[in-house]
């Protein structure tokens, strides 16, 4: 049996821009993607902390160090610049894999940068 569990999460990033005229996805700073273990074009669940909207889409790499979190396509109607968002990614694990798995979680700063520990 496989169990679906959290693989990676970008916790409380800030939406920097929305673009309605785009064929759908979310552009995310490559540094954030790497820190959370989310691959380009991998499925992500977006939870809008500001207004409660949730949707599933895929991650598109944005330039490293840009701080970009750009909601694209129809999803842009559910998010606005300045909204706080949680981006989650899931994977299937065997019970044995899950017993030792630790999700990668990144908590960006106010500019969507990765804080120094």
Protein backbone atom coordinates (compact mmCIF):
# COMPACT_ATOMS: atom_id res chain seq x y z
CA UNK A 1 0.00 0.00 0.00
CA UNK A 2 1.18 3.51 -0.79
CA UNK A 3 0.40 6.50 1.41
CA UNK A 4 0.10 10.05 0.08
CA UNK A 5 2.00 12.49 2.30
CA UNK A 6 3.59 15.93 2.24
CA UNK A 7 6.85 15.98 0.28
CA UNK A 8 7.66 19.70 0.25
CA UNK A 9 6.13 23.00 1.29
CA UNK A 10 6.76 26.70 0.82
CA UNK A 11 5.04 28.17 3.87
CA UNK A 12 3.62 31.72 3.73
CA UNK A 13 5.18 33.19 0.61
CA UNK A 14 3.81 36.43 -0.81
CA UNK A 15 2.18 36.54 -4.25
CA UNK A 16 4.18 39.09 -6.26
CA UNK A 17 2.08 39.21 -9.43
CA UNK A 18 -0.86 37.66 -11.26
CA UNK A 19 -1.24 37.23 -15.02
CA UNK A 20 -4.64 36.13 -16.31
CA UNK A 21 -3.56 35.78 -19.97
CA UNK A 22 -1.34 32.76 -19.54
CA UNK A 23 -2.17 29.05 -19.93
CA UNK A 24 -2.22 28.36 -16.19
CA UNK A 25 0.33 27.49 -13.51
CA UNK A 26 2.35 29.27 -10.84
CA UNK A 27 5.80 30.74 -11.41
CA UNK A 28 8.01 30.22 -8.36
CA UNK A 29 11.56 31.44 -7.70
CA UNK A 30 13.86 28.50 -8.50
CA UNK A 31 15.66 28.92 -5.17
CA UNK A 32 12.37 28.35 -3.32
CA UNK A 33 11.51 25.33 -5.48
CA UNK A 34 14.89 23.73 -4.79
CA UNK A 35 14.75 24.44 -1.06
CA UNK A 36 11.32 22.78 -0.84
CA UNK A 37 12.29 19.84 -3.07
CA UNK A 38 9.68 20.71 -5.69
CA UNK A 39 10.68 19.94 -9.28
CA UNK A 40 9.78 22.21 -12.19
CA UNK A 41 6.35 21.27 -13.61
CA UNK A 42 5.51 19.16 -10.56
CA UNK A 43 1.98 19.46 -9.16
CA UNK A 44 1.46 21.87 -6.26
CA UNK A 45 -1.55 22.70 -4.12
CA UNK A 46 -1.90 26.43 -3.47
CA UNK A 47 -3.68 27.59 -0.33
CA UNK A 48 -4.41 31.31 -0.19
CA UNK A 49 -4.12 32.29 3.48
CA UNK A 50 -5.52 35.75 2.73
CA UNK A 51 -8.88 34.66 1.28
CA UNK A 52 -9.16 30.88 1.80
CA UNK A 53 -9.04 29.85 -1.88
CA UNK A 54 -7.31 26.58 -2.73
CA UNK A 55 -6.37 25.11 -6.10
CA UNK A 56 -4.10 22.59 -7.72
CA UNK A 57 -1.73 23.55 -10.53
CA UNK A 58 1.91 22.99 -11.46
CA UNK A 59 5.12 24.86 -10.65
CA UNK A 60 6.98 26.75 -13.36
CA UNK A 61 10.52 27.85 -12.53
CA UNK A 62 11.03 31.61 -12.18
CA UNK A 63 14.48 33.21 -12.10
CA UNK A 64 16.57 32.27 -9.05
CA UNK A 65 16.79 35.05 -6.49
CA UNK A 66 13.87 36.96 -8.02
CA UNK A 67 11.47 36.28 -5.17
CA UNK A 68 8.78 35.71 -7.80
CA UNK A 69 5.54 33.95 -6.92
CA UNK A 70 3.37 34.67 -9.97
CA UNK A 71 -0.07 33.09 -10.22
CA UNK A 72 -0.88 32.52 -13.89
CA UNK A 73 -3.97 31.82 -15.97
CA UNK A 74 -7.46 31.32 -14.55
CA UNK A 75 -6.03 30.92 -11.04
CA UNK A 76 -5.09 34.60 -11.19
CA UNK A 77 -8.76 35.37 -10.48
CA UNK A 78 -8.39 33.69 -7.07
CA UNK A 79 -5.16 35.39 -5.95
CA UNK A 80 -3.92 38.99 -5.79
CA UNK A 81 -0.46 40.52 -5.38
CA UNK A 82 0.29 40.70 -1.66
CA UNK A 83 -1.75 37.60 -0.78
CA UNK A 84 -0.03 35.12 1.53
CA UNK A 85 0.11 31.61 0.06
CA UNK A 86 1.15 28.15 1.15
CA UNK A 87 2.39 25.90 -1.68
CA UNK A 88 2.35 22.17 -0.93
CA UNK A 89 3.59 19.18 -2.86
CA UNK A 90 2.76 15.55 -2.13
CA UNK A 91 4.20 12.14 -3.03
CA UNK A 92 3.33 8.50 -2.51
CA UNK A 93 5.41 6.54 0.00
CA UNK A 94 5.54 2.99 1.22
CA UNK A 95 4.98 2.71 4.98
CA UNK A 96 8.71 2.03 5.37
CA UNK A 97 9.68 5.12 3.35
CA UNK A 98 7.20 7.27 5.24
CA UNK A 99 8.55 6.14 8.61
CA UNK A 100 11.85 7.93 7.87
CA UNK A 101 10.60 10.69 5.54
CA UNK A 102 10.91 14.33 6.58
CA UNK A 103 9.18 16.86 4.32
CA UNK A 104 11.27 19.79 3.09
CA UNK A 105 9.69 22.98 4.42
CA UNK A 106 10.89 26.48 3.61
CA UNK A 107 9.52 29.61 5.32
CA UNK A 108 10.41 32.57 3.09
CA UNK A 109 11.06 36.05 4.42
CA UNK A 110 8.93 39.08 3.46
CA UNK A 111 10.64 39.26 0.05
CA UNK A 112 10.26 35.52 -0.67
CA UNK A 113 13.93 34.99 0.07
CA UNK A 114 15.29 32.06 2.02
CA UNK A 115 16.33 33.20 5.50
CA UNK A 116 19.75 32.25 6.81
CA UNK A 117 19.50 29.73 9.65
